[in-house]
């Protein structure tokens, strides 16, 4: 599952990211409300973890804008503001759950699991591009019935490609989707993982699915 964490406290955001990654989530983090809104509109997420007090655009307003354009991604608010008025406002603006700081990661993780169970996934459980299959629940990947073993980063990269079959994805979009805006990744790192992924999903098969679109980026399968 892909989770967006919008939290202006860098240390807190990093702790949440590391904890979620240990639980096998794909996590993208950002520290301002304006960047959070842009990411939530640009990428599909299974849930959004949203701080209330954010620079640029506060969390309540961010949620309100997402709901106004029909974005139904589940939102878990995080805040130190625990009055009844704040709770009611957060839910009225489109939030689905509310957790006050400080909190234990165990409770946070349980609330997030409950939230994603209550709402439909933003992507199907099983992704397919031609004869390539990815099962999101088990992280199993196969092609033409042949099991493919992937590292975590290879899996995240392939999952993002399979969410956008036939679509040309730029290098910047791929780097942000897999490593997040908070990470500084060199372009040749992406090239390395594209090469490794090609070797696993295309080598030995007659048709090559992962294609380079020169001057633009990469795509998986036909448009």
Protein backbone atom coordinates (compact mmCIF):
# COMPACT_ATOMS: atom_id res chain seq x y z
CA UNK A 1 0.00 0.00 0.00
CA UNK A 2 1.08 3.56 -0.72
CA UNK A 3 0.82 6.11 2.09
CA UNK A 4 1.33 9.87 1.89
CA UNK A 5 2.62 11.46 5.12
CA UNK A 6 2.25 15.24 5.33
CA UNK A 7 4.00 16.31 8.54
CA UNK A 8 6.04 19.48 9.09
CA UNK A 9 8.11 18.04 11.95
CA UNK A 10 10.89 16.38 9.97
CA UNK A 11 11.91 14.01 12.78
CA UNK A 12 8.31 12.90 13.32
CA UNK A 13 7.78 12.36 9.58
CA UNK A 14 10.98 10.30 9.38
CA UNK A 15 9.96 8.12 12.33
CA UNK A 16 6.55 7.48 10.81
CA UNK A 17 8.10 6.69 7.42
CA UNK A 18 10.59 4.22 8.88
CA UNK A 19 7.89 2.51 10.94
CA UNK A 20 5.56 2.16 7.98
CA UNK A 21 8.33 0.87 5.74
CA UNK A 22 9.07 -1.82 8.33
CA UNK A 23 5.42 -2.81 7.93
CA UNK A 24 5.98 -3.04 4.14
CA UNK A 25 4.16 0.13 3.16
CA UNK A 26 5.41 2.38 0.37
CA UNK A 27 5.70 5.85 1.88
CA UNK A 28 6.04 9.33 0.42
CA UNK A 29 6.64 12.22 2.82
CA UNK A 30 6.47 15.98 2.53
CA UNK A 31 6.52 18.81 5.05
CA UNK A 32 4.19 21.52 3.71
CA UNK A 33 0.50 21.63 3.01
CA UNK A 34 0.96 22.98 -0.50
CA UNK A 35 3.30 20.14 -1.47
CA UNK A 36 0.99 17.66 0.23
CA UNK A 37 -1.97 18.83 -1.84
CA UNK A 38 0.02 18.62 -5.06
CA UNK A 39 1.19 15.09 -4.30
CA UNK A 40 -2.27 13.90 -3.24
CA UNK A 41 -3.68 15.14 -6.54
CA UNK A 42 -0.83 13.78 -8.66
CA UNK A 43 -0.42 10.24 -7.29
CA UNK A 44 -2.77 7.46 -6.16
CA UNK A 45 -2.50 6.70 -2.42
CA UNK A 46 -4.26 4.19 -0.20
CA UNK A 47 -4.30 6.63 2.74
CA UNK A 48 -3.04 10.07 3.74
CA UNK A 49 -1.54 10.80 7.17
CA UNK A 50 -2.09 14.51 7.61
CA UNK A 51 -0.84 16.89 10.28
CA UNK A 52 -3.22 19.74 11.07
CA UNK A 53 -0.71 22.56 11.64
CA UNK A 54 1.23 22.85 8.39
CA UNK A 55 3.07 25.68 6.63
CA UNK A 56 1.60 26.89 3.36
CA UNK A 57 -1.79 25.21 3.77
CA UNK A 58 -3.21 23.81 7.00
CA UNK A 59 -4.36 20.23 7.15
CA UNK A 60 -8.08 20.99 7.51
CA UNK A 61 -8.04 23.15 4.38
CA UNK A 62 -6.00 20.56 2.47
CA UNK A 63 -8.58 17.88 3.28
CA UNK A 64 -11.42 20.20 2.32
CA UNK A 65 -9.85 20.88 -1.09
CA UNK A 66 -9.27 17.19 -1.77
CA UNK A 67 -12.89 16.35 -0.99
CA UNK A 68 -14.08 19.27 -3.12
CA UNK A 69 -12.52 17.73 -6.23
CA UNK A 70 -13.79 14.24 -5.47
CA UNK A 71 -10.61 12.76 -3.98
CA UNK A 72 -11.87 10.14 -1.50
CA UNK A 73 -8.52 8.85 -0.21
CA UNK A 74 -8.89 8.02 3.53
CA UNK A 75 -7.34 10.70 5.77
CA UNK A 76 -5.91 10.18 9.26
CA UNK A 77 -5.34 13.50 11.00
CA UNK A 78 -2.43 13.92 13.42
CA UNK A 79 -2.48 16.88 15.79
CA UNK A 80 -1.63 18.20 19.23
CA UNK A 81 -4.97 20.02 19.22
CA UNK A 82 -7.39 17.75 21.05
CA UNK A 83 -10.45 19.87 21.77
CA UNK A 84 -13.88 18.65 20.75
CA UNK A 85 -14.22 21.55 18.32
CA UNK A 86 -10.99 20.54 16.56
CA UNK A 87 -12.12 16.91 16.35
CA UNK A 88 -15.51 17.87 14.92
CA UNK A 89 -13.96 20.27 12.41
CA UNK A 90 -11.44 17.69 11.23
CA UNK A 91 -14.18 15.13 10.57
CA UNK A 92 -16.46 17.72 8.97
CA UNK A 93 -13.70 18.83 6.57
CA UNK A 94 -13.29 15.29 5.26
CA UNK A 95 -11.07 13.47 7.74
CA UNK A 96 -11.83 9.83 8.51
CA UNK A 97 -9.95 9.42 11.80
CA UNK A 98 -8.12 11.64 14.29
CA UNK A 99 -5.08 10.83 16.44
CA UNK A 100 -3.69 13.27 18.98
CA UNK A 101 0.01 13.69 19.73
CA UNK A 102 1.87 12.16 21.43
CA UNK A 103 0.83 8.68 20.32
CA UNK A 104 2.33 5.21 20.20
CA UNK A 105 3.29 3.82 16.81
CA UNK A 106 1.37 0.66 17.69
CA UNK A 107 -1.89 2.62 18.00
CA UNK A 108 -1.09 4.66 14.90
CA UNK A 109 -0.44 1.51 12.86
CA UNK A 110 -3.66 -0.12 14.09
CA UNK A 111 -5.73 2.94 13.19
CA UNK A 112 -4.17 3.10 9.75
CA UNK A 113 -4.89 -0.58 9.12
CA UNK A 114 -8.49 -0.11 10.22
CA UNK A 115 -8.83 2.93 8.00
CA UNK A 116 -7.61 1.16 4.87
CA UNK A 117 -9.89 -1.80 5.61
CA UNK A 118 -12.97 0.40 5.86
CA UNK A 119 -12.49 2.12 2.54
CA UNK A 120 -12.01 0.75 -0.99
CA UNK A 121 -8.44 0.48 -2.22
CA UNK A 122 -7.33 3.14 -4.70
CA UNK A 123 -5.88 0.33 -6.82
CA UNK A 124 -7.07 -3.25 -7.27
CA UNK A 125 -5.55 -6.00 -5.16
CA UNK A 126 -4.12 -7.70 -8.26
CA UNK A 127 -2.46 -5.64 -11.00
CA UNK A 128 -2.00 -7.08 -14.49
CA UNK A 129 -0.17 -5.85 -17.58
CA UNK A 130 -0.44 -8.45 -20.34
CA UNK A 131 1.02 -11.66 -18.83
CA UNK A 132 2.70 -9.85 -15.91
CA UNK A 133 0.86 -10.10 -12.57
CA UNK A 134 1.48 -8.36 -9.23
CA UNK A 135 -0.45 -9.33 -6.09
CA UNK A 136 -0.37 -6.36 -3.75
CA UNK A 137 -1.53 -8.28 -0.68
CA UNK A 138 1.31 -10.82 -0.82
CA UNK A 139 3.88 -8.83 -2.87
CA UNK A 140 4.13 -11.77 -5.26
CA UNK A 141 5.04 -11.07 -8.88
CA UNK A 142 4.89 -13.50 -11.78
CA UNK A 143 5.01 -13.48 -15.55
CA UNK A 144 3.36 -16.17 -17.65
CA UNK A 145 3.02 -18.16 -14.43
CA UNK A 146 6.73 -17.91 -13.61
CA UNK A 147 7.50 -16.45 -10.16
CA UNK A 148 9.74 -13.35 -10.11
CA UNK A 149 11.69 -12.42 -6.99
CA UNK A 150 12.13 -8.66 -6.47
CA UNK A 151 13.86 -6.51 -3.91
CA UNK A 152 11.74 -3.94 -2.06
CA UNK A 153 12.80 -1.07 -4.33
CA UNK A 154 12.29 -3.14 -7.49
CA UNK A 155 8.82 -4.07 -6.26
CA UNK A 156 7.84 -0.46 -5.54
CA UNK A 157 9.08 0.63 -8.94
CA UNK A 158 7.20 -2.15 -10.73
CA UNK A 159 4.01 -1.51 -8.74
CA UNK A 160 4.06 2.15 -9.77
CA UNK A 161 4.55 1.20 -13.42
CA UNK A 162 1.67 -1.27 -13.18
CA UNK A 163 -0.62 1.36 -11.68
CA UNK A 164 -0.06 3.39 -14.86
CA UNK A 165 0.06 0.83 -17.70
CA UNK A 166 1.06 2.23 -21.08
CA UNK A 167 1.66 5.70 -19.60
CA UNK A 168 5.01 7.41 -20.15
CA UNK A 169 6.46 8.22 -16.71
CA UNK A 170 9.22 10.78 -16.42
CA UNK A 171 12.37 10.17 -14.42
CA UNK A 172 11.37 12.76 -11.81
CA UNK A 173 7.94 11.19 -11.34
CA UNK A 174 9.47 7.73 -10.87
CA UNK A 175 12.08 8.97 -8.39
CA UNK A 176 9.47 10.86 -6.34
CA UNK A 177 7.09 7.89 -6.38
CA UNK A 178 9.63 5.31 -5.21
CA UNK A 179 12.07 7.27 -3.05
CA UNK A 180 9.98 10.33 -2.11
CA UNK A 181 10.69 14.02 -2.20
CA UNK A 182 12.68 13.86 1.05
CA UNK A 183 15.38 11.64 -0.48
CA UNK A 184 18.21 12.87 -2.68
CA UNK A 185 18.55 10.27 -5.44
CA UNK A 186 20.94 10.44 -8.36
CA UNK A 187 19.58 9.76 -11.83
CA UNK A 188 21.92 6.82 -12.34
CA UNK A 189 20.34 5.12 -9.30
CA UNK A 190 17.05 5.00 -11.19
CA UNK A 191 18.88 3.74 -14.28
CA UNK A 192 20.38 0.91 -12.24
CA UNK A 193 17.01 -0.21 -10.89
CA UNK A 194 15.38 0.03 -14.32
CA UNK A 195 18.13 -2.25 -15.66
CA UNK A 196 17.69 -4.73 -12.80
CA UNK A 197 13.92 -4.72 -13.25
CA UNK A 198 14.25 -5.32 -16.98
CA UNK A 199 16.47 -8.33 -16.35
CA UNK A 200 13.81 -9.85 -14.12
CA UNK A 201 10.55 -9.06 -15.93
CA UNK A 202 11.73 -9.17 -19.56
CA UNK A 203 14.76 -11.45 -19.80
CA UNK A 204 13.81 -14.81 -21.29
CA UNK A 205 10.41 -13.65 -22.50
CA UNK A 206 9.65 -12.99 -26.15
CA UNK A 207 7.98 -9.63 -25.65
CA UNK A 208 9.67 -6.76 -23.82
CA UNK A 209 7.24 -4.90 -21.55
CA UNK A 210 9.46 -2.23 -19.97
CA UNK A 211 10.25 0.33 -22.64
CA UNK A 212 12.40 3.45 -22.84
CA UNK A 213 10.75 6.48 -24.45
CA UNK A 214 13.79 8.52 -25.36
CA UNK A 215 13.71 12.12 -24.21
CA UNK A 216 10.66 11.50 -22.01
CA UNK A 217 11.02 8.54 -19.65
CA UNK A 218 9.77 4.96 -19.42
CA UNK A 219 6.56 3.01 -19.77
CA UNK A 220 5.33 -0.51 -19.09
CA UNK A 221 3.25 -2.16 -21.82
CA UNK A 222 1.31 -0.50 -24.61
CA UNK A 223 -0.83 2.61 -24.26
